[in-house]
PDB file of all heavy atoms in Angstrom:
ATOM      1  N   SER A   1      -4.741  -3.546  -5.558  1.00  0.00           N
ATOM      2  CA  SER A   1      -5.962  -4.203  -6.013  1.00  0.00           C
ATOM      3  C   SER A   1      -7.044  -3.144  -6.192  1.00  0.00           C
ATOM      4  O   SER A   1      -7.594  -2.633  -5.221  1.00  0.00           O
ATOM      5  CB  SER A   1      -6.416  -5.253  -4.993  1.00  0.00           C
ATOM      6  OG  SER A   1      -7.640  -5.833  -5.402  1.00  0.00           O
ATOM      7  N   THR A   2      -7.325  -2.796  -7.448  1.00  0.00           N
ATOM      8  CA  THR A   2      -8.332  -1.782  -7.746  1.00  0.00           C
ATOM      9  C   THR A   2      -9.590  -2.364  -8.381  1.00  0.00           C
ATOM     10  O   THR A   2     -10.582  -1.661  -8.517  1.00  0.00           O
ATOM     11  CB  THR A   2      -7.769  -0.728  -8.724  1.00  0.00           C
ATOM     12  OG1 THR A   2      -7.536  -1.355 -10.004  1.00  0.00           O
ATOM     13  CG2 THR A   2      -6.483  -0.111  -8.193  1.00  0.00           C
ATOM     14  N   GLY A   3      -9.528  -3.617  -8.786  1.00  0.00           N
ATOM     15  CA  GLY A   3     -10.634  -4.198  -9.541  1.00  0.00           C
ATOM     16  C   GLY A   3     -10.506  -3.990 -11.033  1.00  0.00           C
ATOM     17  O   GLY A   3     -11.307  -4.519 -11.818  1.00  0.00           O
ATOM     18  N   ILE A   4      -9.494  -3.207 -11.464  1.00  0.00           N
ATOM     19  CA  ILE A   4      -9.207  -2.985 -12.887  1.00  0.00           C
ATOM     20  C   ILE A   4      -7.794  -3.497 -13.136  1.00  0.00           C
ATOM     21  O   ILE A   4      -6.810  -2.890 -12.696  1.00  0.00           O
ATOM     22  CB  ILE A   4      -9.315  -1.487 -13.260  1.00  0.00           C
ATOM     23  CG1 ILE A   4     -10.684  -0.932 -12.896  1.00  0.00           C
ATOM     24  CG2 ILE A   4      -9.034  -1.281 -14.745  1.00  0.00           C
ATOM     25  CD1 ILE A   4     -10.786   0.582 -13.032  1.00  0.00           C
ATOM     26  N   GLY A   5      -7.690  -4.589 -13.838  1.00  0.00           N
ATOM     27  CA  GLY A   5      -6.410  -5.276 -13.970  1.00  0.00           C
ATOM     28  C   GLY A   5      -5.305  -4.420 -14.554  1.00  0.00           C
ATOM     29  O   GLY A   5      -4.174  -4.424 -14.056  1.00  0.00           O
ATOM     30  N   PHE A   6      -5.601  -3.672 -15.597  1.00  0.00           N
ATOM     31  CA  PHE A   6      -4.544  -2.893 -16.237  1.00  0.00           C
ATOM     32  C   PHE A   6      -4.117  -1.718 -15.358  1.00  0.00           C
ATOM     33  O   PHE A   6      -2.937  -1.366 -15.321  1.00  0.00           O
ATOM     34  CB  PHE A   6      -4.989  -2.396 -17.614  1.00  0.00           C
ATOM     35  CG  PHE A   6      -3.826  -2.163 -18.548  1.00  0.00           C
ATOM     36  CD1 PHE A   6      -3.369  -3.180 -19.373  1.00  0.00           C
ATOM     37  CD2 PHE A   6      -3.169  -0.947 -18.572  1.00  0.00           C
ATOM     38  CE1 PHE A   6      -2.271  -2.983 -20.212  1.00  0.00           C
ATOM     39  CE2 PHE A   6      -2.079  -0.734 -19.405  1.00  0.00           C
ATOM     40  CZ  PHE A   6      -1.626  -1.750 -20.231  1.00  0.00           C
ATOM     41  N   LEU A   7      -5.052  -1.132 -14.636  1.00  0.00           N
ATOM     42  CA  LEU A   7      -4.689  -0.080 -13.688  1.00  0.00           C
ATOM     43  C   LEU A   7      -3.791  -0.643 -12.594  1.00  0.00           C
ATOM     44  O   LEU A   7      -2.793  -0.004 -12.203  1.00  0.00           O
ATOM     45  CB  LEU A   7      -5.950   0.559 -13.092  1.00  0.00           C
ATOM     46  CG  LEU A   7      -5.735   1.621 -12.003  1.00  0.00           C
ATOM     47  CD1 LEU A   7      -4.845   2.752 -12.495  1.00  0.00           C
ATOM     48  CD2 LEU A   7      -7.082   2.155 -11.518  1.00  0.00           C
ATOM     49  N   ASP A   8      -4.114  -1.827 -12.085  1.00  0.00           N
ATOM     50  CA  ASP A   8      -3.233  -2.486 -11.111  1.00  0.00           C
ATOM     51  C   ASP A   8      -1.809  -2.581 -11.661  1.00  0.00           C
ATOM     52  O   ASP A   8      -0.835  -2.241 -10.984  1.00  0.00           O
ATOM     53  CB  ASP A   8      -3.721  -3.900 -10.799  1.00  0.00           C
ATOM     54  CG  ASP A   8      -5.001  -3.943  -9.989  1.00  0.00           C
ATOM     55  OD1 ASP A   8      -5.502  -2.879  -9.598  1.00  0.00           O
ATOM     56  OD2 ASP A   8      -5.494  -5.061  -9.767  1.00  0.00           O
ATOM     57  N   HIS A   9      -1.707  -3.042 -12.903  1.00  0.00           N
ATOM     58  CA  HIS A   9      -0.404  -3.247 -13.540  1.00  0.00           C
ATOM     59  C   HIS A   9       0.374  -1.941 -13.625  1.00  0.00           C
ATOM     60  O   HIS A   9       1.584  -1.897 -13.372  1.00  0.00           O
ATOM     61  CB  HIS A   9      -0.634  -3.846 -14.930  1.00  0.00           C
ATOM     62  CG  HIS A   9       0.604  -4.163 -15.696  1.00  0.00           C
ATOM     63  ND1 HIS A   9       1.700  -4.778 -15.144  1.00  0.00           N
ATOM     64  CD2 HIS A   9       0.928  -3.943 -17.003  1.00  0.00           C
ATOM     65  CE1 HIS A   9       2.638  -4.943 -16.067  1.00  0.00           C
ATOM     66  NE2 HIS A   9       2.202  -4.419 -17.190  1.00  0.00           N
ATOM     67  N   MET A  10      -0.316  -0.852 -13.935  1.00  0.00           N
ATOM     68  CA  MET A  10       0.360   0.436 -14.069  1.00  0.00           C
ATOM     69  C   MET A  10       0.790   1.001 -12.711  1.00  0.00           C
ATOM     70  O   MET A  10       1.884   1.562 -12.590  1.00  0.00           O
ATOM     71  CB  MET A  10      -0.539   1.430 -14.797  1.00  0.00           C
ATOM     72  CG  MET A  10      -0.778   1.113 -16.267  1.00  0.00           C
ATOM     73  SD  MET A  10       0.743   1.011 -17.266  1.00  0.00           S
ATOM     74  CE  MET A  10       0.977  -0.773 -17.378  1.00  0.00           C
ATOM     75  N   VAL A  11      -0.032   0.866 -11.699  1.00  0.00           N
ATOM     76  CA  VAL A  11       0.352   1.343 -10.371  1.00  0.00           C
ATOM     77  C   VAL A  11       1.523   0.507  -9.838  1.00  0.00           C
ATOM     78  O   VAL A  11       2.432   1.031  -9.177  1.00  0.00           O
ATOM     79  CB  VAL A  11      -0.844   1.318  -9.400  1.00  0.00           C
ATOM     80  CG1 VAL A  11      -0.403   1.705  -7.986  1.00  0.00           C
ATOM     81  CG2 VAL A  11      -1.939   2.267  -9.879  1.00  0.00           C
ATOM     82  N   GLU A  12       1.529  -0.777 -10.141  1.00  0.00           N
ATOM     83  CA  GLU A  12       2.664  -1.624  -9.769  1.00  0.00           C
ATOM     84  C   GLU A  12       3.941  -1.153 -10.462  1.00  0.00           C
ATOM     85  O   GLU A  12       5.015  -1.121  -9.845  1.00  0.00           O
ATOM     86  CB  GLU A  12       2.357  -3.080 -10.127  1.00  0.00           C
ATOM     87  CG  GLU A  12       1.293  -3.701  -9.240  1.00  0.00           C
ATOM     88  CD  GLU A  12       0.742  -5.009  -9.778  1.00  0.00           C
ATOM     89  OE1 GLU A  12       1.152  -5.440 -10.887  1.00  0.00           O
ATOM     90  OE2 GLU A  12      -0.122  -5.611  -9.101  1.00  0.00           O
ATOM     91  N   GLN A  13       3.829  -0.778 -11.738  1.00  0.00           N
ATOM     92  CA  GLN A  13       4.992  -0.245 -12.455  1.00  0.00           C
ATOM     93  C   GLN A  13       5.478   1.059 -11.806  1.00  0.00           C
ATOM     94  O   GLN A  13       6.676   1.289 -11.666  1.00  0.00           O
ATOM     95  CB  GLN A  13       4.648   0.003 -13.931  1.00  0.00           C
ATOM     96  CG  GLN A  13       4.335  -1.241 -14.728  1.00  0.00           C
ATOM     97  CD  GLN A  13       5.533  -2.144 -14.910  1.00  0.00           C
ATOM     98  OE1 GLN A  13       6.682  -1.726 -14.768  1.00  0.00           O
ATOM     99  NE2 GLN A  13       5.283  -3.400 -15.220  1.00  0.00           N
ATOM    100  N   PHE A  14       4.518   1.907 -11.431  1.00  0.00           N
ATOM    101  CA  PHE A  14       4.885   3.160 -10.759  1.00  0.00           C
ATOM    102  C   PHE A  14       5.661   2.879  -9.487  1.00  0.00           C
ATOM    103  O   PHE A  14       6.708   3.487  -9.227  1.00  0.00           O
ATOM    104  CB  PHE A  14       3.629   3.972 -10.442  1.00  0.00           C
ATOM    105  CG  PHE A  14       3.898   5.141  -9.529  1.00  0.00           C
ATOM    106  CD1 PHE A  14       4.543   6.268 -10.001  1.00  0.00           C
ATOM    107  CD2 PHE A  14       3.523   5.098  -8.191  1.00  0.00           C
ATOM    108  CE1 PHE A  14       4.821   7.341  -9.152  1.00  0.00           C
ATOM    109  CE2 PHE A  14       3.786   6.158  -7.337  1.00  0.00           C
ATOM    110  CZ  PHE A  14       4.438   7.282  -7.820  1.00  0.00           C
ATOM    111  N   SER A  15       5.181   1.968  -8.671  1.00  0.00           N
ATOM    112  CA  SER A  15       5.850   1.638  -7.418  1.00  0.00           C
ATOM    113  C   SER A  15       7.242   1.058  -7.671  1.00  0.00           C
ATOM    114  O   SER A  15       8.233   1.509  -7.092  1.00  0.00           O
ATOM    115  CB  SER A  15       4.997   0.646  -6.622  1.00  0.00           C
ATOM    116  OG  SER A  15       5.678   0.211  -5.467  1.00  0.00           O
ATOM    117  N   LYS A  16       7.318   0.084  -8.559  1.00  0.00           N
ATOM    118  CA  LYS A  16       8.584  -0.608  -8.813  1.00  0.00           C
ATOM    119  C   LYS A  16       9.670   0.347  -9.278  1.00  0.00           C
ATOM    120  O   LYS A  16      10.818   0.270  -8.829  1.00  0.00           O
ATOM    121  CB  LYS A  16       8.364  -1.712  -9.854  1.00  0.00           C
ATOM    122  CG  LYS A  16       9.622  -2.435 -10.312  1.00  0.00           C
ATOM    123  CD  LYS A  16      10.303  -3.179  -9.180  1.00  0.00           C
ATOM    124  CE  LYS A  16       9.525  -4.398  -8.767  1.00  0.00           C
ATOM    125  NZ  LYS A  16      10.254  -5.220  -7.770  1.00  0.00           N
ATOM    126  N   HIS A  17       9.315   1.265 -10.178  1.00  0.00           N
ATOM    127  CA  HIS A  17      10.346   2.098 -10.803  1.00  0.00           C
ATOM    128  C   HIS A  17      10.576   3.421 -10.081  1.00  0.00           C
ATOM    129  O   HIS A  17      11.585   4.089 -10.333  1.00  0.00           O
ATOM    130  CB  HIS A  17      10.007   2.311 -12.280  1.00  0.00           C
ATOM    131  CG  HIS A  17      10.081   1.045 -13.075  1.00  0.00           C
ATOM    132  ND1 HIS A  17      11.269   0.515 -13.502  1.00  0.00           N
ATOM    133  CD2 HIS A  17       9.110   0.174 -13.458  1.00  0.00           C
ATOM    134  CE1 HIS A  17      11.036  -0.621 -14.146  1.00  0.00           C
ATOM    135  NE2 HIS A  17       9.736  -0.854 -14.130  1.00  0.00           N
ATOM    136  N   SER A  18       9.688   3.799  -9.180  1.00  0.00           N
ATOM    137  CA  SER A  18       9.920   4.980  -8.340  1.00  0.00           C
ATOM    138  C   SER A  18      10.598   4.626  -7.026  1.00  0.00           C
ATOM    139  O   SER A  18      11.091   5.507  -6.320  1.00  0.00           O
ATOM    140  CB  SER A  18       8.595   5.687  -8.035  1.00  0.00           C
ATOM    141  OG  SER A  18       7.775   4.876  -7.210  1.00  0.00           O
ATOM    142  N   LEU A  19      10.586   3.333  -6.681  1.00  0.00           N
ATOM    143  CA  LEU A  19      11.031   2.833  -5.374  1.00  0.00           C
ATOM    144  C   LEU A  19      10.155   3.356  -4.235  1.00  0.00           C
ATOM    145  O   LEU A  19      10.572   3.355  -3.077  1.00  0.00           O
ATOM    146  CB  LEU A  19      12.503   3.153  -5.102  1.00  0.00           C
ATOM    147  CG  LEU A  19      13.517   2.534  -6.065  1.00  0.00           C
ATOM    148  CD1 LEU A  19      14.935   2.871  -5.634  1.00  0.00           C
ATOM    149  CD2 LEU A  19      13.337   1.021  -6.168  1.00  0.00           C
ATOM    150  N   ILE A  20       8.956   3.806  -4.562  1.00  0.00           N
ATOM    151  CA  ILE A  20       7.978   4.211  -3.560  1.00  0.00           C
ATOM    152  C   ILE A  20       7.090   3.002  -3.263  1.00  0.00           C
ATOM    153  O   ILE A  20       6.431   2.477  -4.166  1.00  0.00           O
ATOM    154  CB  ILE A  20       7.111   5.387  -4.061  1.00  0.00           C
ATOM    155  CG1 ILE A  20       7.994   6.620  -4.320  1.00  0.00           C
ATOM    156  CG2 ILE A  20       6.011   5.714  -3.053  1.00  0.00           C
ATOM    157  CD1 ILE A  20       7.256   7.766  -5.001  1.00  0.00           C
ATOM    158  N   ASP A  21       7.102   2.544  -2.011  1.00  0.00           N
ATOM    159  CA  ASP A  21       6.216   1.440  -1.642  1.00  0.00           C
ATOM    160  C   ASP A  21       4.766   1.922  -1.721  1.00  0.00           C
ATOM    161  O   ASP A  21       4.442   3.011  -1.232  1.00  0.00           O
ATOM    162  CB  ASP A  21       6.510   0.956  -0.222  1.00  0.00           C
ATOM    163  CG  ASP A  21       7.875   0.293  -0.094  1.00  0.00           C
ATOM    164  OD1 ASP A  21       8.505   0.010  -1.126  1.00  0.00           O
ATOM    165  OD2 ASP A  21       8.298   0.071   1.059  1.00  0.00           O
ATOM    166  N   VAL A  22       3.920   1.111  -2.337  1.00  0.00           N
ATOM    167  CA  VAL A  22       2.513   1.499  -2.500  1.00  0.00           C
ATOM    168  C   VAL A  22       1.598   0.336  -2.130  1.00  0.00           C
ATOM    169  O   VAL A  22       1.713  -0.763  -2.684  1.00  0.00           O
ATOM    170  CB  VAL A  22       2.201   1.925  -3.952  1.00  0.00           C
ATOM    171  CG1 VAL A  22       0.713   2.262  -4.101  1.00  0.00           C
ATOM    172  CG2 VAL A  22       3.050   3.114  -4.376  1.00  0.00           C
ATOM    173  N   THR A  23       0.710   0.587  -1.177  1.00  0.00           N
ATOM    174  CA  THR A  23      -0.438  -0.287  -0.945  1.00  0.00           C
ATOM    175  C   THR A  23      -1.663   0.461  -1.441  1.00  0.00           C
ATOM    176  O   THR A  23      -1.886   1.616  -1.058  1.00  0.00           O
ATOM    177  CB  THR A  23      -0.604  -0.613   0.547  1.00  0.00           C
ATOM    178  OG1 THR A  23       0.533  -1.359   0.995  1.00  0.00           O
ATOM    179  CG2 THR A  23      -1.867  -1.445   0.783  1.00  0.00           C
ATOM    180  N   MET A  24      -2.433  -0.156  -2.311  1.00  0.00           N
ATOM    181  CA  MET A  24      -3.628   0.487  -2.857  1.00  0.00           C
ATOM    182  C   MET A  24      -4.754  -0.547  -2.924  1.00  0.00           C
ATOM    183  O   MET A  24      -4.675  -1.512  -3.669  1.00  0.00           O
ATOM    184  CB  MET A  24      -3.366   1.061  -4.249  1.00  0.00           C
ATOM    185  CG  MET A  24      -4.595   1.709  -4.891  1.00  0.00           C
ATOM    186  SD  MET A  24      -4.302   2.359  -6.568  1.00  0.00           S
ATOM    187  CE  MET A  24      -3.260   3.774  -6.221  1.00  0.00           C
ATOM    188  N   LYS A  25      -5.772  -0.345  -2.097  1.00  0.00           N
ATOM    189  CA  LYS A  25      -6.934  -1.220  -2.067  1.00  0.00           C
ATOM    190  C   LYS A  25      -8.168  -0.385  -2.401  1.00  0.00           C
ATOM    191  O   LYS A  25      -8.480   0.573  -1.680  1.00  0.00           O
ATOM    192  CB  LYS A  25      -7.104  -1.863  -0.684  1.00  0.00           C
ATOM    193  CG  LYS A  25      -5.898  -2.701  -0.245  1.00  0.00           C
ATOM    194  CD  LYS A  25      -5.671  -3.890  -1.155  1.00  0.00           C
ATOM    195  CE  LYS A  25      -4.525  -4.772  -0.677  1.00  0.00           C
ATOM    196  NZ  LYS A  25      -4.272  -5.894  -1.600  1.00  0.00           N
ATOM    197  N   VAL A  26      -8.829  -0.724  -3.481  1.00  0.00           N
ATOM    198  CA  VAL A  26      -9.984   0.051  -3.934  1.00  0.00           C
ATOM    199  C   VAL A  26     -11.172  -0.871  -4.146  1.00  0.00           C
ATOM    200  O   VAL A  26     -11.059  -1.895  -4.828  1.00  0.00           O
ATOM    201  CB  VAL A  26      -9.681   0.801  -5.246  1.00  0.00           C
ATOM    202  CG1 VAL A  26     -10.855   1.700  -5.628  1.00  0.00           C
ATOM    203  CG2 VAL A  26      -8.401   1.599  -5.144  1.00  0.00           C
ATOM    204  N   ASP A  27     -12.288  -0.507  -3.548  1.00  0.00           N
ATOM    205  CA  ASP A  27     -13.563  -1.185  -3.784  1.00  0.00           C
ATOM    206  C   ASP A  27     -14.497  -0.136  -4.391  1.00  0.00           C
ATOM    207  O   ASP A  27     -15.024   0.721  -3.675  1.00  0.00           O
ATOM    208  CB  ASP A  27     -14.134  -1.734  -2.470  1.00  0.00           C
ATOM    209  CG  ASP A  27     -15.434  -2.493  -2.677  1.00  0.00           C
ATOM    210  OD1 ASP A  27     -15.775  -2.788  -3.842  1.00  0.00           O
ATOM    211  OD2 ASP A  27     -16.118  -2.772  -1.679  1.00  0.00           O
ATOM    212  N   GLY A  28     -14.639  -0.180  -5.707  1.00  0.00           N
ATOM    213  CA  GLY A  28     -15.391   0.862  -6.397  1.00  0.00           C
ATOM    214  C   GLY A  28     -16.631   0.340  -7.097  1.00  0.00           C
ATOM    215  O   GLY A  28     -16.857  -0.872  -7.198  1.00  0.00           O
ATOM    216  N   ASP A  29     -17.415   1.287  -7.597  1.00  0.00           N
ATOM    217  CA  ASP A  29     -18.681   0.946  -8.251  1.00  0.00           C
ATOM    218  C   ASP A  29     -18.461   0.579  -9.722  1.00  0.00           C
ATOM    219  O   ASP A  29     -18.952   1.242 -10.644  1.00  0.00           O
ATOM    220  CB  ASP A  29     -19.675   2.108  -8.113  1.00  0.00           C
ATOM    221  CG  ASP A  29     -19.161   3.423  -8.680  1.00  0.00           C
ATOM    222  OD1 ASP A  29     -17.979   3.472  -9.113  1.00  0.00           O
ATOM    223  OD2 ASP A  29     -19.939   4.392  -8.696  1.00  0.00           O
ATOM    224  N   LEU A  30     -17.714  -0.501  -9.924  1.00  0.00           N
ATOM    225  CA  LEU A  30     -17.388  -0.926 -11.281  1.00  0.00           C
ATOM    226  C   LEU A  30     -18.606  -1.434 -12.050  1.00  0.00           C
ATOM    227  O   LEU A  30     -18.552  -1.565 -13.270  1.00  0.00           O
ATOM    228  CB  LEU A  30     -16.299  -2.010 -11.244  1.00  0.00           C
ATOM    229  CG  LEU A  30     -14.933  -1.539 -10.730  1.00  0.00           C
ATOM    230  CD1 LEU A  30     -13.964  -2.705 -10.652  1.00  0.00           C
ATOM    231  CD2 LEU A  30     -14.367  -0.443 -11.618  1.00  0.00           C
ATOM    232  N   HIS A  31     -19.712  -1.685 -11.341  1.00  0.00           N
ATOM    233  CA  HIS A  31     -20.942  -2.059 -12.036  1.00  0.00           C
ATOM    234  C   HIS A  31     -21.523  -0.855 -12.791  1.00  0.00           C
ATOM    235  O   HIS A  31     -22.329  -1.024 -13.704  1.00  0.00           O
ATOM    236  CB  HIS A  31     -21.985  -2.582 -11.035  1.00  0.00           C
ATOM    237  CG  HIS A  31     -22.422  -1.570 -10.025  1.00  0.00           C
ATOM    238  ND1 HIS A  31     -21.622  -1.188  -8.980  1.00  0.00           N
ATOM    239  CD2 HIS A  31     -23.557  -0.846  -9.916  1.00  0.00           C
ATOM    240  CE1 HIS A  31     -22.252  -0.274  -8.251  1.00  0.00           C
ATOM    241  NE2 HIS A  31     -23.427  -0.039  -8.805  1.00  0.00           N
ATOM    242  N   VAL A  32     -21.087   0.353 -12.399  1.00  0.00           N
ATOM    243  CA  VAL A  32     -21.500   1.561 -13.123  1.00  0.00           C
ATOM    244  C   VAL A  32     -20.546   1.772 -14.289  1.00  0.00           C
ATOM    245  O   VAL A  32     -20.932   1.662 -15.453  1.00  0.00           O
ATOM    246  CB  VAL A  32     -21.499   2.789 -12.185  1.00  0.00           C
ATOM    247  CG1 VAL A  32     -21.833   4.061 -12.958  1.00  0.00           C
ATOM    248  CG2 VAL A  32     -22.484   2.580 -11.042  1.00  0.00           C
ATOM    249  N   ASP A  33     -19.300   2.110 -13.977  1.00  0.00           N
ATOM    250  CA  ASP A  33     -18.211   2.147 -14.950  1.00  0.00           C
ATOM    251  C   ASP A  33     -16.908   2.301 -14.179  1.00  0.00           C
ATOM    252  O   ASP A  33     -16.884   2.177 -12.953  1.00  0.00           O
ATOM    253  CB  ASP A  33     -18.401   3.254 -16.001  1.00  0.00           C
ATOM    254  CG  ASP A  33     -18.307   4.666 -15.434  1.00  0.00           C
ATOM    255  OD1 ASP A  33     -17.962   4.821 -14.244  1.00  0.00           O
ATOM    256  OD2 ASP A  33     -18.588   5.622 -16.180  1.00  0.00           O
ATOM    257  N   GLN A  34     -15.822   2.568 -14.899  1.00  0.00           N
ATOM    258  CA  GLN A  34     -14.500   2.594 -14.264  1.00  0.00           C
ATOM    259  C   GLN A  34     -14.068   4.001 -13.849  1.00  0.00           C
ATOM    260  O   GLN A  34     -13.005   4.168 -13.264  1.00  0.00           O
ATOM    261  CB  GLN A  34     -13.471   2.037 -15.240  1.00  0.00           C
ATOM    262  CG  GLN A  34     -13.777   0.633 -15.701  1.00  0.00           C
ATOM    263  CD  GLN A  34     -12.919   0.245 -16.892  1.00  0.00           C
ATOM    264  OE1 GLN A  34     -12.407   1.092 -17.618  1.00  0.00           O
ATOM    265  NE2 GLN A  34     -12.756  -1.042 -17.098  1.00  0.00           N
ATOM    266  N   HIS A  35     -14.887   4.995 -14.116  1.00  0.00           N
ATOM    267  CA  HIS A  35     -14.472   6.378 -13.930  1.00  0.00           C
ATOM    268  C   HIS A  35     -14.172   6.695 -12.472  1.00  0.00           C
ATOM    269  O   HIS A  35     -13.116   7.256 -12.135  1.00  0.00           O
ATOM    270  CB  HIS A  35     -15.545   7.326 -14.473  1.00  0.00           C
ATOM    271  CG  HIS A  35     -15.124   8.763 -14.478  1.00  0.00           C
ATOM    272  ND1 HIS A  35     -15.221   9.586 -13.368  1.00  0.00           N
ATOM    273  CD2 HIS A  35     -14.596   9.526 -15.453  1.00  0.00           C
ATOM    274  CE1 HIS A  35     -14.776  10.777 -13.666  1.00  0.00           C
ATOM    275  NE2 HIS A  35     -14.390  10.780 -14.934  1.00  0.00           N
ATOM    276  N   HIS A  36     -15.093   6.364 -11.574  1.00  0.00           N
ATOM    277  CA  HIS A  36     -14.914   6.713 -10.166  1.00  0.00           C
ATOM    278  C   HIS A  36     -13.709   5.998  -9.561  1.00  0.00           C
ATOM    279  O   HIS A  36     -12.945   6.591  -8.785  1.00  0.00           O
ATOM    280  CB  HIS A  36     -16.176   6.377  -9.362  1.00  0.00           C
ATOM    281  CG  HIS A  36     -17.385   7.128  -9.813  1.00  0.00           C
ATOM    282  ND1 HIS A  36     -18.640   6.565  -9.881  1.00  0.00           N
ATOM    283  CD2 HIS A  36     -17.530   8.411 -10.249  1.00  0.00           C
ATOM    284  CE1 HIS A  36     -19.502   7.468 -10.320  1.00  0.00           C
ATOM    285  NE2 HIS A  36     -18.854   8.589 -10.548  1.00  0.00           N
ATOM    286  N   THR A  37     -13.536   4.728  -9.887  1.00  0.00           N
ATOM    287  CA  THR A  37     -12.403   3.963  -9.363  1.00  0.00           C
ATOM    288  C   THR A  37     -11.088   4.555  -9.843  1.00  0.00           C
ATOM    289  O   THR A  37     -10.137   4.719  -9.066  1.00  0.00           O
ATOM    290  CB  THR A  37     -12.508   2.491  -9.779  1.00  0.00           C
ATOM    291  OG1 THR A  37     -13.672   1.921  -9.166  1.00  0.00           O
ATOM    292  CG2 THR A  37     -11.282   1.699  -9.358  1.00  0.00           C
ATOM    293  N   THR A  38     -11.021   4.905 -11.122  1.00  0.00           N
ATOM    294  CA  THR A  38      -9.811   5.492 -11.686  1.00  0.00           C
ATOM    295  C   THR A  38      -9.514   6.837 -11.044  1.00  0.00           C
ATOM    296  O   THR A  38      -8.408   7.086 -10.548  1.00  0.00           O
ATOM    297  CB  THR A  38      -9.959   5.665 -13.208  1.00  0.00           C
ATOM    298  OG1 THR A  38     -10.162   4.381 -13.817  1.00  0.00           O
ATOM    299  CG2 THR A  38      -8.723   6.315 -13.806  1.00  0.00           C
ATOM    300  N   GLU A  39     -10.505   7.711 -11.028  1.00  0.00           N
ATOM    301  CA  GLU A  39     -10.311   9.061 -10.510  1.00  0.00           C
ATOM    302  C   GLU A  39      -9.995   9.064  -9.017  1.00  0.00           C
ATOM    303  O   GLU A  39      -9.037   9.716  -8.564  1.00  0.00           O
ATOM    304  CB  GLU A  39     -11.572   9.894 -10.766  1.00  0.00           C
ATOM    305  CG  GLU A  39     -11.486  11.328 -10.249  1.00  0.00           C
ATOM    306  CD  GLU A  39     -12.753  12.099 -10.548  1.00  0.00           C
ATOM    307  OE1 GLU A  39     -13.821  11.747  -9.975  1.00  0.00           O
ATOM    308  OE2 GLU A  39     -12.687  13.029 -11.359  1.00  0.00           O
ATOM    309  N   ASP A  40     -10.767   8.334  -8.233  1.00  0.00           N
ATOM    310  CA  ASP A  40     -10.608   8.382  -6.788  1.00  0.00           C
ATOM    311  C   ASP A  40      -9.303   7.733  -6.335  1.00  0.00           C
ATOM    312  O   ASP A  40      -8.689   8.165  -5.351  1.00  0.00           O
ATOM    313  CB  ASP A  40     -11.802   7.718  -6.097  1.00  0.00           C
ATOM    314  CG  ASP A  40     -13.084   8.527  -6.244  1.00  0.00           C
ATOM    315  OD1 ASP A  40     -13.047   9.588  -6.908  1.00  0.00           O
ATOM    316  OD2 ASP A  40     -14.133   8.099  -5.720  1.00  0.00           O
ATOM    317  N   SER A  41      -8.854   6.687  -7.056  1.00  0.00           N
ATOM    318  CA  SER A  41      -7.569   6.077  -6.705  1.00  0.00           C
ATOM    319  C   SER A  41      -6.439   7.067  -6.938  1.00  0.00           C
ATOM    320  O   SER A  41      -5.475   7.134  -6.156  1.00  0.00           O
ATOM    321  CB  SER A  41      -7.329   4.799  -7.514  1.00  0.00           C
ATOM    322  OG  SER A  41      -7.106   5.075  -8.890  1.00  0.00           O
ATOM    323  N   ALA A  42      -6.540   7.857  -7.989  1.00  0.00           N
ATOM    324  CA  ALA A  42      -5.511   8.851  -8.288  1.00  0.00           C
ATOM    325  C   ALA A  42      -5.535   9.979  -7.264  1.00  0.00           C
ATOM    326  O   ALA A  42      -4.478  10.444  -6.810  1.00  0.00           O
ATOM    327  CB  ALA A  42      -5.711   9.396  -9.697  1.00  0.00           C
ATOM    328  N   ILE A  43      -6.728  10.437  -6.897  1.00  0.00           N
ATOM    329  CA  ILE A  43      -6.849  11.495  -5.895  1.00  0.00           C
ATOM    330  C   ILE A  43      -6.234  11.050  -4.570  1.00  0.00           C
ATOM    331  O   ILE A  43      -5.452  11.765  -3.944  1.00  0.00           O
ATOM    332  CB  ILE A  43      -8.324  11.888  -5.694  1.00  0.00           C
ATOM    333  CG1 ILE A  43      -8.858  12.617  -6.936  1.00  0.00           C
ATOM    334  CG2 ILE A  43      -8.495  12.760  -4.452  1.00  0.00           C
ATOM    335  CD1 ILE A  43     -10.364  12.832  -6.921  1.00  0.00           C
ATOM    336  N   ALA A  44      -6.581   9.847  -4.139  1.00  0.00           N
ATOM    337  CA  ALA A  44      -6.080   9.340  -2.856  1.00  0.00           C
ATOM    338  C   ALA A  44      -4.571   9.109  -2.903  1.00  0.00           C
ATOM    339  O   ALA A  44      -3.871   9.369  -1.918  1.00  0.00           O
ATOM    340  CB  ALA A  44      -6.811   8.057  -2.474  1.00  0.00           C
ATOM    341  N   LEU A  45      -4.057   8.630  -4.038  1.00  0.00           N
ATOM    342  CA  LEU A  45      -2.611   8.457  -4.162  1.00  0.00           C
ATOM    343  C   LEU A  45      -1.912   9.810  -4.050  1.00  0.00           C
ATOM    344  O   LEU A  45      -0.900   9.943  -3.342  1.00  0.00           O
ATOM    345  CB  LEU A  45      -2.259   7.792  -5.491  1.00  0.00           C
ATOM    346  CG  LEU A  45      -0.764   7.617  -5.768  1.00  0.00           C
ATOM    347  CD1 LEU A  45      -0.103   6.733  -4.718  1.00  0.00           C
ATOM    348  CD2 LEU A  45      -0.536   7.055  -7.171  1.00  0.00           C
ATOM    349  N   GLY A  46      -2.445  10.813  -4.717  1.00  0.00           N
ATOM    350  CA  GLY A  46      -1.862  12.153  -4.623  1.00  0.00           C
ATOM    351  C   GLY A  46      -1.885  12.686  -3.207  1.00  0.00           C
ATOM    352  O   GLY A  46      -0.917  13.298  -2.739  1.00  0.00           O
ATOM    353  N   GLN A  47      -2.986  12.445  -2.488  1.00  0.00           N
ATOM    354  CA  GLN A  47      -3.086  12.884  -1.095  1.00  0.00           C
ATOM    355  C   GLN A  47      -2.060  12.176  -0.218  1.00  0.00           C
ATOM    356  O   GLN A  47      -1.443  12.796   0.660  1.00  0.00           O
ATOM    357  CB  GLN A  47      -4.501  12.633  -0.567  1.00  0.00           C
ATOM    358  CG  GLN A  47      -5.561  13.525  -1.198  1.00  0.00           C
ATOM    359  CD  GLN A  47      -6.962  13.118  -0.814  1.00  0.00           C
ATOM    360  OE1 GLN A  47      -7.225  11.961  -0.450  1.00  0.00           O
ATOM    361  NE2 GLN A  47      -7.895  14.055  -0.901  1.00  0.00           N
TER     362      GLN A  47
END
């Protein structure tokens, strides 16, 4: 749950087809734009 529906869909695809279990909960400043939510979710996933 990132607050961006299509990003959710893509991370779900990543999990399903990699067989890597993924929990991802993001509360971002979407009232500004989607940049921080997109970038920070990727950084945290990589970490």
